[in-house]
């Protein structure tokens, strides 16, 4: 999440969600994959929060001062990119580009064919290229 306090908030929310959803856990499923999916979904939801962008910029800069920390620009760029792709593509893009997992690791985690992972990574690239070309990432 790029912020220790935000990470702690996510960790607490994951714990609560796991506790509440424990009856939904399928014993045949991988506990790690289940936990990873819950964590990813919570993080994606936080990234989608429209008010978060303003908070990040306010924390990083004084009023009227441009942001100088490249990590803020990177976080905002990732958020903008993710807003242009479907959820199933977002999840794989985060695992691949942010978590730096291999296609094989992602396929195992999500229990889907590796070829599907490669297709969705390529779809992410083409959708984000199109959004950049159309100038939609500036917002």
C-alpha atoms as a PDB file:
ATOM      1  CA  UNK A   1       0.000   0.000   0.000  1.00  0.00           C
ATOM      2  CA  UNK A   2       3.053   2.244   0.169  1.00  0.00           C
ATOM      3  CA  UNK A   3       2.308   3.401   3.715  1.00  0.00           C
ATOM      4  CA  UNK A   4       2.902   1.554   6.983  1.00  0.00           C
ATOM      5  CA  UNK A   5      -0.395   2.694   8.529  1.00  0.00           C
ATOM      6  CA  UNK A   6      -2.371   1.784   5.413  1.00  0.00           C
ATOM      7  CA  UNK A   7      -0.680  -1.624   5.443  1.00  0.00           C
ATOM      8  CA  UNK A   8      -1.723  -2.133   9.053  1.00  0.00           C
ATOM      9  CA  UNK A   9      -5.288  -1.143   8.194  1.00  0.00           C
ATOM     10  CA  UNK A  10      -5.344  -3.650   5.335  1.00  0.00           C
ATOM     11  CA  UNK A  11      -3.906  -6.359   7.573  1.00  0.00           C
ATOM     12  CA  UNK A  12      -6.631  -5.760  10.163  1.00  0.00           C
ATOM     13  CA  UNK A  13      -9.339  -5.750   7.494  1.00  0.00           C
ATOM     14  CA  UNK A  14      -7.979  -9.013   6.044  1.00  0.00           C
ATOM     15  CA  UNK A  15      -8.054 -10.599   9.489  1.00  0.00           C
ATOM     16  CA  UNK A  16     -11.663  -9.526  10.021  1.00  0.00           C
ATOM     17  CA  UNK A  17     -12.753 -10.657   6.573  1.00  0.00           C
ATOM     18  CA  UNK A  18     -11.072 -14.046   7.016  1.00  0.00           C
ATOM     19  CA  UNK A  19     -12.699 -14.459  10.420  1.00  0.00           C
ATOM     20  CA  UNK A  20     -16.158 -13.580   9.069  1.00  0.00           C
ATOM     21  CA  UNK A  21     -15.790 -15.722   5.939  1.00  0.00           C
ATOM     22  CA  UNK A  22     -14.226 -18.772   7.592  1.00  0.00           C
ATOM     23  CA  UNK A  23     -17.372 -20.832   6.920  1.00  0.00           C
ATOM     24  CA  UNK A  24     -17.002 -20.120   3.187  1.00  0.00           C
ATOM     25  CA  UNK A  25     -13.496 -21.585   3.057  1.00  0.00           C
ATOM     26  CA  UNK A  26     -13.484 -24.722   0.945  1.00  0.00           C
ATOM     27  CA  UNK A  27     -11.291 -27.332   2.598  1.00  0.00           C
ATOM     28  CA  UNK A  28     -10.151 -28.494  -0.845  1.00  0.00           C
ATOM     29  CA  UNK A  29      -8.861 -25.017  -1.717  1.00  0.00           C
ATOM     30  CA  UNK A  30      -5.422 -23.750  -0.862  1.00  0.00           C
ATOM     31  CA  UNK A  31      -5.491 -21.639   2.331  1.00  0.00           C
ATOM     32  CA  UNK A  32      -2.708 -19.460   0.911  1.00  0.00           C
ATOM     33  CA  UNK A  33      -4.614 -18.826  -2.327  1.00  0.00           C
ATOM     34  CA  UNK A  34      -7.772 -17.986  -0.356  1.00  0.00           C
ATOM     35  CA  UNK A  35      -5.894 -15.562   1.901  1.00  0.00           C
ATOM     36  CA  UNK A  36      -4.027 -14.023  -1.032  1.00  0.00           C
ATOM     37  CA  UNK A  37      -7.297 -13.450  -2.927  1.00  0.00           C
ATOM     38  CA  UNK A  38      -8.929 -11.758   0.073  1.00  0.00           C
ATOM     39  CA  UNK A  39      -5.870  -9.545   0.570  1.00  0.00           C
ATOM     40  CA  UNK A  40      -5.702  -8.623  -3.115  1.00  0.00           C
ATOM     41  CA  UNK A  41      -9.388  -7.732  -3.234  1.00  0.00           C
ATOM     42  CA  UNK A  42      -9.105  -5.495  -0.182  1.00  0.00           C
ATOM     43  CA  UNK A  43      -6.051  -3.740  -1.650  1.00  0.00           C
ATOM     44  CA  UNK A  44      -7.820  -3.262  -5.007  1.00  0.00           C
ATOM     45  CA  UNK A  45     -10.839  -1.789  -3.246  1.00  0.00           C
ATOM     46  CA  UNK A  46      -8.603   0.675  -1.424  1.00  0.00           C
ATOM     47  CA  UNK A  47      -6.869   1.660  -4.662  1.00  0.00           C
ATOM     48  CA  UNK A  48     -10.257   2.329  -6.244  1.00  0.00           C
ATOM     49  CA  UNK A  49     -11.296   4.642  -3.456  1.00  0.00           C
ATOM     50  CA  UNK A  50     -11.736   7.967  -5.177  1.00  0.00           C
ATOM     51  CA  UNK A  51     -10.915  10.011  -2.096  1.00  0.00           C
ATOM     52  CA  UNK A  52      -7.583   8.285  -1.568  1.00  0.00           C
ATOM     53  CA  UNK A  53      -5.839  10.158  -4.382  1.00  0.00           C
ATOM     54  CA  UNK A  54      -6.415  13.504  -2.695  1.00  0.00           C
ATOM     55  CA  UNK A  55      -5.191  12.145   0.654  1.00  0.00           C
ATOM     56  CA  UNK A  56      -1.968  10.846  -0.898  1.00  0.00           C
ATOM     57  CA  UNK A  57      -1.238  14.147  -2.580  1.00  0.00           C
ATOM     58  CA  UNK A  58      -2.076  16.148   0.560  1.00  0.00           C
ATOM     59  CA  UNK A  59       0.259  14.030   2.718  1.00  0.00           C
ATOM     60  CA  UNK A  60       3.118  14.301   0.267  1.00  0.00           C
ATOM     61  CA  UNK A  61       3.028  17.999  -0.537  1.00  0.00           C
ATOM     62  CA  UNK A  62       2.348  21.346   0.982  1.00  0.00           C
ATOM     63  CA  UNK A  63      -0.512  23.323  -0.566  1.00  0.00           C
ATOM     64  CA  UNK A  64       0.549  24.607  -3.971  1.00  0.00           C
ATOM     65  CA  UNK A  65       3.759  22.554  -3.987  1.00  0.00           C
ATOM     66  CA  UNK A  66       4.223  19.906  -6.721  1.00  0.00           C
ATOM     67  CA  UNK A  67       4.759  16.300  -5.647  1.00  0.00           C
ATOM     68  CA  UNK A  68       8.448  15.389  -5.733  1.00  0.00           C
ATOM     69  CA  UNK A  69       8.273  11.774  -4.568  1.00  0.00           C
ATOM     70  CA  UNK A  70       8.242   9.415  -7.568  1.00  0.00           C
ATOM     71  CA  UNK A  71       6.405   6.731  -5.601  1.00  0.00           C
ATOM     72  CA  UNK A  72       3.306   8.921  -5.462  1.00  0.00           C
ATOM     73  CA  UNK A  73       3.361   9.360  -9.219  1.00  0.00           C
ATOM     74  CA  UNK A  74       3.838   5.619  -9.628  1.00  0.00           C
ATOM     75  CA  UNK A  75       0.938   4.819  -7.277  1.00  0.00           C
ATOM     76  CA  UNK A  76      -1.354   7.222  -9.118  1.00  0.00           C
ATOM     77  CA  UNK A  77      -0.290   5.786 -12.476  1.00  0.00           C
ATOM     78  CA  UNK A  78      -0.987   2.226 -11.307  1.00  0.00           C
ATOM     79  CA  UNK A  79      -4.387   3.310 -10.010  1.00  0.00           C
ATOM     80  CA  UNK A  80      -5.183   4.967 -13.327  1.00  0.00           C
ATOM     81  CA  UNK A  81      -4.073   1.889 -15.263  1.00  0.00           C
ATOM     82  CA  UNK A  82      -6.137  -0.469 -13.118  1.00  0.00           C
ATOM     83  CA  UNK A  83      -9.233   1.627 -13.676  1.00  0.00           C
ATOM     84  CA  UNK A  84      -9.180   0.724 -17.373  1.00  0.00           C
ATOM     85  CA  UNK A  85      -9.217  -3.058 -17.097  1.00  0.00           C
ATOM     86  CA  UNK A  86     -11.676  -5.699 -15.824  1.00  0.00           C
ATOM     87  CA  UNK A  87     -11.211  -7.129 -12.309  1.00  0.00           C
ATOM     88  CA  UNK A  88      -9.902 -10.518 -13.471  1.00  0.00           C
ATOM     89  CA  UNK A  89      -7.218  -8.706 -15.454  1.00  0.00           C
ATOM     90  CA  UNK A  90      -6.435  -6.333 -12.548  1.00  0.00           C
ATOM     91  CA  UNK A  91      -5.767  -9.209 -10.181  1.00  0.00           C
ATOM     92  CA  UNK A  92      -3.334 -10.906 -12.551  1.00  0.00           C
ATOM     93  CA  UNK A  93      -1.619  -7.611 -13.437  1.00  0.00           C
ATOM     94  CA  UNK A  94      -0.964  -6.938  -9.750  1.00  0.00           C
ATOM     95  CA  UNK A  95       0.397 -10.430  -9.166  1.00  0.00           C
ATOM     96  CA  UNK A  96       2.618 -10.188 -12.261  1.00  0.00           C
ATOM     97  CA  UNK A  97       3.809  -6.567 -12.331  1.00  0.00           C
ATOM     98  CA  UNK A  98       3.664  -5.549  -8.662  1.00  0.00           C
ATOM     99  CA  UNK A  99       4.244  -8.809  -6.773  1.00  0.00           C
ATOM    100  CA  UNK A 100       6.569 -10.037  -9.559  1.00  0.00           C
ATOM    101  CA  UNK A 101       5.100 -13.534  -9.536  1.00  0.00           C
ATOM    102  CA  UNK A 102       5.763 -15.789 -12.525  1.00  0.00           C
ATOM    103  CA  UNK A 103       2.932 -16.815 -14.824  1.00  0.00           C
ATOM    104  CA  UNK A 104       3.228 -20.350 -13.475  1.00  0.00           C
ATOM    105  CA  UNK A 105       2.932 -19.139  -9.859  1.00  0.00           C
ATOM    106  CA  UNK A 106      -0.151 -17.079 -10.709  1.00  0.00           C
ATOM    107  CA  UNK A 107      -1.738 -19.989 -12.571  1.00  0.00           C
ATOM    108  CA  UNK A 108      -1.183 -22.247  -9.560  1.00  0.00           C
ATOM    109  CA  UNK A 109      -2.494 -19.645  -7.131  1.00  0.00           C
ATOM    110  CA  UNK A 110      -5.662 -18.970  -9.127  1.00  0.00           C
ATOM    111  CA  UNK A 111      -6.096 -22.555 -10.387  1.00  0.00           C
ATOM    112  CA  UNK A 112      -6.420 -21.466 -14.015  1.00  0.00           C
ATOM    113  CA  UNK A 113      -4.294 -22.386 -17.058  1.00  0.00           C
ATOM    114  CA  UNK A 114      -0.983 -20.561 -17.542  1.00  0.00           C
ATOM    115  CA  UNK A 115      -2.082 -19.662 -21.063  1.00  0.00           C
ATOM    116  CA  UNK A 116      -5.028 -17.739 -19.572  1.00  0.00           C
ATOM    117  CA  UNK A 117      -2.559 -15.808 -17.418  1.00  0.00           C
ATOM    118  CA  UNK A 118      -0.481 -14.891 -20.492  1.00  0.00           C
ATOM    119  CA  UNK A 119      -3.634 -13.849 -22.366  1.00  0.00           C
ATOM    120  CA  UNK A 120      -4.785 -11.585 -19.507  1.00  0.00           C
ATOM    121  CA  UNK A 121      -1.332  -9.994 -19.153  1.00  0.00           C
ATOM    122  CA  UNK A 122      -1.390  -9.204 -22.859  1.00  0.00           C
ATOM    123  CA  UNK A 123      -4.948  -7.884 -22.517  1.00  0.00           C
ATOM    124  CA  UNK A 124      -3.784  -5.620 -19.661  1.00  0.00           C
ATOM    125  CA  UNK A 125      -1.003  -4.277 -21.869  1.00  0.00           C
ATOM    126  CA  UNK A 126      -3.277  -3.615 -24.837  1.00  0.00           C
ATOM    127  CA  UNK A 127      -6.039  -1.987 -22.746  1.00  0.00           C
ATOM    128  CA  UNK A 128      -3.604   0.284 -20.915  1.00  0.00           C
ATOM    129  CA  UNK A 129      -1.819   1.192 -24.159  1.00  0.00           C
ATOM    130  CA  UNK A 130      -5.172   2.145 -25.661  1.00  0.00           C
ATOM    131  CA  UNK A 131      -6.062   4.219 -22.584  1.00  0.00           C
ATOM    132  CA  UNK A 132      -2.677   5.977 -22.738  1.00  0.00           C
ATOM    133  CA  UNK A 133      -3.064   6.589 -26.464  1.00  0.00           C
ATOM    134  CA  UNK A 134      -6.540   8.077 -25.926  1.00  0.00           C
ATOM    135  CA  UNK A 135      -5.164  10.336 -23.166  1.00  0.00           C
ATOM    136  CA  UNK A 136      -7.393   8.756 -20.481  1.00  0.00           C
ATOM    137  CA  UNK A 137      -4.550   8.248 -17.980  1.00  0.00           C
ATOM    138  CA  UNK A 138      -4.067  11.908 -17.256  1.00  0.00           C
ATOM    139  CA  UNK A 139      -7.102  12.009 -14.943  1.00  0.00           C
END
